[in-house]
Amino acid sequence: MDGVEVRVDGGPWQVATLGTEVDVDKWRMWRVELDRPAGSHTPEARATDRTGQTQTPGRAEPIPDGASGWHTIVFTARP
């Protein structure tokens, strides 16, 4: 993985800070700081590989060509 971007509630993409790469075949930690008002929020994350290919929003199963789709969750920020 060459990079990760995150956006919240459909806003602009922010570049995440990548953790140390352990191995090219292992998951890689990343982080981004968010300042959100109280309430429900939906962040989305997308990765870019070493060839410059960025994940598309369309979901695809891992077999035969690898999974795709933006990872999305919903969280509630409290005051």
N, C-alpha and C. Protein backbone atom coordinates (compact mmCIF):
# COMPACT_ATOMS: atom_id res chain seq x y z
N MET A 1 0.85 -1.17 0.00
CA MET A 1 0.00 0.00 0.00
C MET A 1 0.89 1.23 0.00
N ASP A 2 0.49 2.19 -0.79
CA ASP A 2 1.26 3.42 -0.90
C ASP A 2 0.62 4.58 -0.16
N GLY A 3 -0.70 4.47 0.11
CA GLY A 3 -1.37 5.55 0.81
C GLY A 3 -2.80 5.20 1.17
N VAL A 4 -3.35 5.96 2.11
CA VAL A 4 -4.75 5.84 2.52
C VAL A 4 -5.31 7.24 2.62
N GLU A 5 -6.54 7.40 2.16
CA GLU A 5 -7.27 8.66 2.30
C GLU A 5 -8.58 8.37 3.01
N VAL A 6 -9.04 9.32 3.79
CA VAL A 6 -10.27 9.18 4.56
C VAL A 6 -11.11 10.43 4.34
N ARG A 7 -12.42 10.23 4.23
CA ARG A 7 -13.34 11.37 4.21
C ARG A 7 -14.50 11.04 5.14
N VAL A 8 -15.12 12.08 5.66
CA VAL A 8 -16.22 11.91 6.59
C VAL A 8 -17.44 12.63 6.06
N ASP A 9 -18.56 11.92 6.06
CA ASP A 9 -19.85 12.49 5.63
C ASP A 9 -19.81 13.06 4.22
N GLY A 10 -19.04 12.41 3.34
CA GLY A 10 -18.97 12.85 1.95
C GLY A 10 -18.12 14.08 1.71
N GLY A 11 -17.38 14.51 2.72
CA GLY A 11 -16.52 15.69 2.60
C GLY A 11 -15.26 15.42 1.79
N PRO A 12 -14.30 16.32 1.88
CA PRO A 12 -13.07 16.15 1.11
C PRO A 12 -12.21 15.01 1.67
N TRP A 13 -11.42 14.39 0.81
CA TRP A 13 -10.51 13.33 1.22
C TRP A 13 -9.33 13.94 1.96
N GLN A 14 -8.92 13.28 3.06
CA GLN A 14 -7.74 13.67 3.85
C GLN A 14 -6.73 12.54 3.77
N VAL A 15 -5.48 12.88 3.67
CA VAL A 15 -4.42 11.88 3.64
C VAL A 15 -4.18 11.37 5.05
N ALA A 16 -4.16 10.06 5.21
CA ALA A 16 -3.91 9.43 6.51
C ALA A 16 -2.40 9.23 6.70
N THR A 17 -1.98 9.16 7.94
CA THR A 17 -0.59 8.86 8.28
C THR A 17 -0.44 7.35 8.34
N LEU A 18 0.52 6.82 7.60
CA LEU A 18 0.74 5.37 7.57
C LEU A 18 1.69 4.94 8.68
N GLY A 19 1.40 3.76 9.26
CA GLY A 19 2.31 3.16 10.23
C GLY A 19 3.45 2.48 9.49
N THR A 20 4.36 1.91 10.25
CA THR A 20 5.51 1.22 9.69
C THR A 20 5.08 -0.02 8.92
N GLU A 21 5.65 -0.23 7.75
CA GLU A 21 5.35 -1.43 6.98
C GLU A 21 6.15 -2.60 7.55
N VAL A 22 5.45 -3.65 7.93
CA VAL A 22 6.09 -4.85 8.48
C VAL A 22 6.50 -5.78 7.35
N ASP A 23 5.60 -5.95 6.39
CA ASP A 23 5.81 -6.86 5.27
C ASP A 23 4.80 -6.47 4.20
N VAL A 24 5.15 -6.64 2.93
CA VAL A 24 4.24 -6.25 1.86
C VAL A 24 2.94 -7.05 1.86
N ASP A 25 2.93 -8.22 2.49
CA ASP A 25 1.73 -9.07 2.52
C ASP A 25 0.95 -8.95 3.82
N LYS A 26 1.27 -7.98 4.65
CA LYS A 26 0.59 -7.80 5.93
C LYS A 26 -0.24 -6.53 5.92
N TRP A 27 -1.27 -6.48 6.77
CA TRP A 27 -2.06 -5.28 6.96
C TRP A 27 -1.16 -4.17 7.47
N ARG A 28 -1.49 -2.96 7.12
CA ARG A 28 -0.68 -1.82 7.57
C ARG A 28 -1.57 -0.85 8.34
N MET A 29 -1.11 -0.46 9.51
CA MET A 29 -1.86 0.48 10.34
C MET A 29 -1.80 1.88 9.70
N TRP A 30 -2.84 2.66 9.95
CA TRP A 30 -2.87 4.06 9.53
C TRP A 30 -3.75 4.81 10.52
N ARG A 31 -3.63 6.14 10.48
CA ARG A 31 -4.47 6.94 11.37
C ARG A 31 -4.74 8.30 10.73
N VAL A 32 -5.83 8.89 11.19
CA VAL A 32 -6.19 10.24 10.77
C VAL A 32 -6.92 10.88 11.95
N GLU A 33 -6.63 12.14 12.21
CA GLU A 33 -7.31 12.85 13.29
C GLU A 33 -8.53 13.55 12.73
N LEU A 34 -9.66 13.37 13.43
CA LEU A 34 -10.91 13.95 12.99
C LEU A 34 -11.46 14.87 14.06
N ASP A 35 -11.96 16.00 13.66
CA ASP A 35 -12.62 16.93 14.58
C ASP A 35 -14.05 17.06 14.09
N ARG A 36 -14.95 16.32 14.71
CA ARG A 36 -16.34 16.25 14.28
C ARG A 36 -17.27 16.77 15.36
N PRO A 37 -18.34 17.44 14.98
CA PRO A 37 -19.32 17.86 15.98
C PRO A 37 -20.08 16.64 16.51
N ALA A 38 -20.76 16.82 17.63
CA ALA A 38 -21.55 15.73 18.20
C ALA A 38 -22.58 15.25 17.18
N GLY A 39 -22.81 13.94 17.18
CA GLY A 39 -23.79 13.36 16.27
C GLY A 39 -23.23 12.19 15.51
N SER A 40 -24.00 11.67 14.59
CA SER A 40 -23.64 10.51 13.79
C SER A 40 -22.80 10.92 12.58
N HIS A 41 -21.75 10.14 12.30
CA HIS A 41 -20.86 10.43 11.18
C HIS A 41 -20.48 9.14 10.45
N THR A 42 -20.21 9.26 9.17
CA THR A 42 -19.85 8.11 8.34
C THR A 42 -18.53 8.37 7.64
N PRO A 43 -17.43 7.80 8.18
CA PRO A 43 -16.16 7.91 7.47
C PRO A 43 -16.02 6.80 6.42
N GLU A 44 -15.30 7.11 5.35
CA GLU A 44 -14.96 6.14 4.31
C GLU A 44 -13.46 6.18 4.12
N ALA A 45 -12.86 5.03 3.87
CA ALA A 45 -11.41 4.96 3.65
C ALA A 45 -11.14 4.25 2.33
N ARG A 46 -10.13 4.75 1.62
CA ARG A 46 -9.71 4.10 0.38
C ARG A 46 -8.19 4.05 0.35
N ALA A 47 -7.66 3.00 -0.21
CA ALA A 47 -6.21 2.81 -0.28
C ALA A 47 -5.73 2.96 -1.72
N THR A 48 -4.47 3.34 -1.85
CA THR A 48 -3.81 3.40 -3.15
C THR A 48 -2.60 2.47 -3.10
N ASP A 49 -2.47 1.62 -4.12
CA ASP A 49 -1.36 0.66 -4.12
C ASP A 49 -0.11 1.27 -4.74
N ARG A 50 0.94 0.50 -4.78
CA ARG A 50 2.24 0.99 -5.28
C ARG A 50 2.24 1.31 -6.77
N THR A 51 1.25 0.81 -7.51
CA THR A 51 1.17 1.11 -8.94
C THR A 51 0.37 2.39 -9.19
N GLY A 52 -0.15 3.01 -8.10
CA GLY A 52 -0.94 4.22 -8.24
C GLY A 52 -2.42 3.98 -8.40
N GLN A 53 -2.84 2.73 -8.31
CA GLN A 53 -4.25 2.37 -8.45
C GLN A 53 -4.98 2.59 -7.12
N THR A 54 -6.04 3.41 -7.16
CA THR A 54 -6.83 3.70 -5.95
C THR A 54 -8.09 2.85 -5.96
N GLN A 55 -8.45 2.35 -4.78
CA GLN A 55 -9.67 1.56 -4.65
C GLN A 55 -10.87 2.33 -5.17
N THR A 56 -11.76 1.63 -5.80
CA THR A 56 -13.00 2.22 -6.28
C THR A 56 -14.10 1.96 -5.25
N PRO A 57 -15.20 2.72 -5.31
CA PRO A 57 -16.26 2.50 -4.33
C PRO A 57 -17.02 1.20 -4.52
N GLY A 58 -16.97 0.61 -5.73
CA GLY A 58 -17.70 -0.62 -6.01
C GLY A 58 -17.12 -1.80 -5.24
N ARG A 59 -17.98 -2.55 -4.58
CA ARG A 59 -17.54 -3.71 -3.80
C ARG A 59 -17.31 -4.90 -4.71
N ALA A 60 -16.22 -5.64 -4.42
CA ALA A 60 -15.89 -6.86 -5.15
C ALA A 60 -15.33 -7.87 -4.16
N GLU A 61 -15.69 -9.12 -4.33
CA GLU A 61 -15.17 -10.19 -3.48
C GLU A 61 -13.68 -10.40 -3.75
N PRO A 62 -12.94 -10.97 -2.79
CA PRO A 62 -11.50 -11.15 -2.96
C PRO A 62 -11.10 -12.09 -4.09
N ILE A 63 -11.93 -13.05 -4.41
CA ILE A 63 -11.58 -14.02 -5.46
C ILE A 63 -12.32 -13.62 -6.72
N PRO A 64 -11.73 -13.48 -7.88
CA PRO A 64 -10.39 -13.93 -8.21
C PRO A 64 -9.32 -12.84 -8.21
N ASP A 65 -9.72 -11.55 -8.14
CA ASP A 65 -8.75 -10.47 -8.36
C ASP A 65 -8.50 -9.57 -7.16
N GLY A 66 -8.95 -9.94 -5.99
CA GLY A 66 -8.74 -9.11 -4.81
C GLY A 66 -9.97 -8.27 -4.51
N ALA A 67 -10.17 -8.02 -3.24
CA ALA A 67 -11.33 -7.25 -2.79
C ALA A 67 -11.20 -5.79 -3.19
N SER A 68 -12.33 -5.14 -3.29
CA SER A 68 -12.35 -3.70 -3.54
C SER A 68 -13.54 -3.11 -2.81
N GLY A 69 -13.63 -1.81 -2.86
CA GLY A 69 -14.71 -1.09 -2.18
C GLY A 69 -14.14 -0.29 -1.03
N TRP A 70 -14.75 0.84 -0.74
CA TRP A 70 -14.29 1.69 0.35
C TRP A 70 -14.83 1.15 1.66
N HIS A 71 -13.95 1.06 2.66
CA HIS A 71 -14.38 0.62 3.99
C HIS A 71 -15.17 1.77 4.62
N THR A 72 -16.35 1.44 5.14
CA THR A 72 -17.23 2.45 5.72
C THR A 72 -17.79 1.97 7.06
N ILE A 73 -17.84 2.84 8.02
CA ILE A 73 -18.50 2.56 9.30
C ILE A 73 -19.33 3.77 9.67
N VAL A 74 -20.11 3.64 10.73
CA VAL A 74 -20.85 4.77 11.28
C VAL A 74 -20.46 4.88 12.75
N PHE A 75 -20.17 6.10 13.22
CA PHE A 75 -19.87 6.30 14.63
C PHE A 75 -20.63 7.52 15.14
N THR A 76 -20.77 7.60 16.44
CA THR A 76 -21.42 8.74 17.07
C THR A 76 -20.41 9.49 17.91
N ALA A 77 -20.20 10.76 17.59
CA ALA A 77 -19.32 11.63 18.38
C ALA A 77 -20.14 12.23 19.51
N ARG A 78 -19.58 12.24 20.68
CA ARG A 78 -20.27 12.81 21.84
C ARG A 78 -19.61 14.13 22.23
N PRO A 79 -20.44 15.04 22.78
CA PRO A 79 -19.89 16.36 23.15
C PRO A 79 -18.90 16.26 24.31
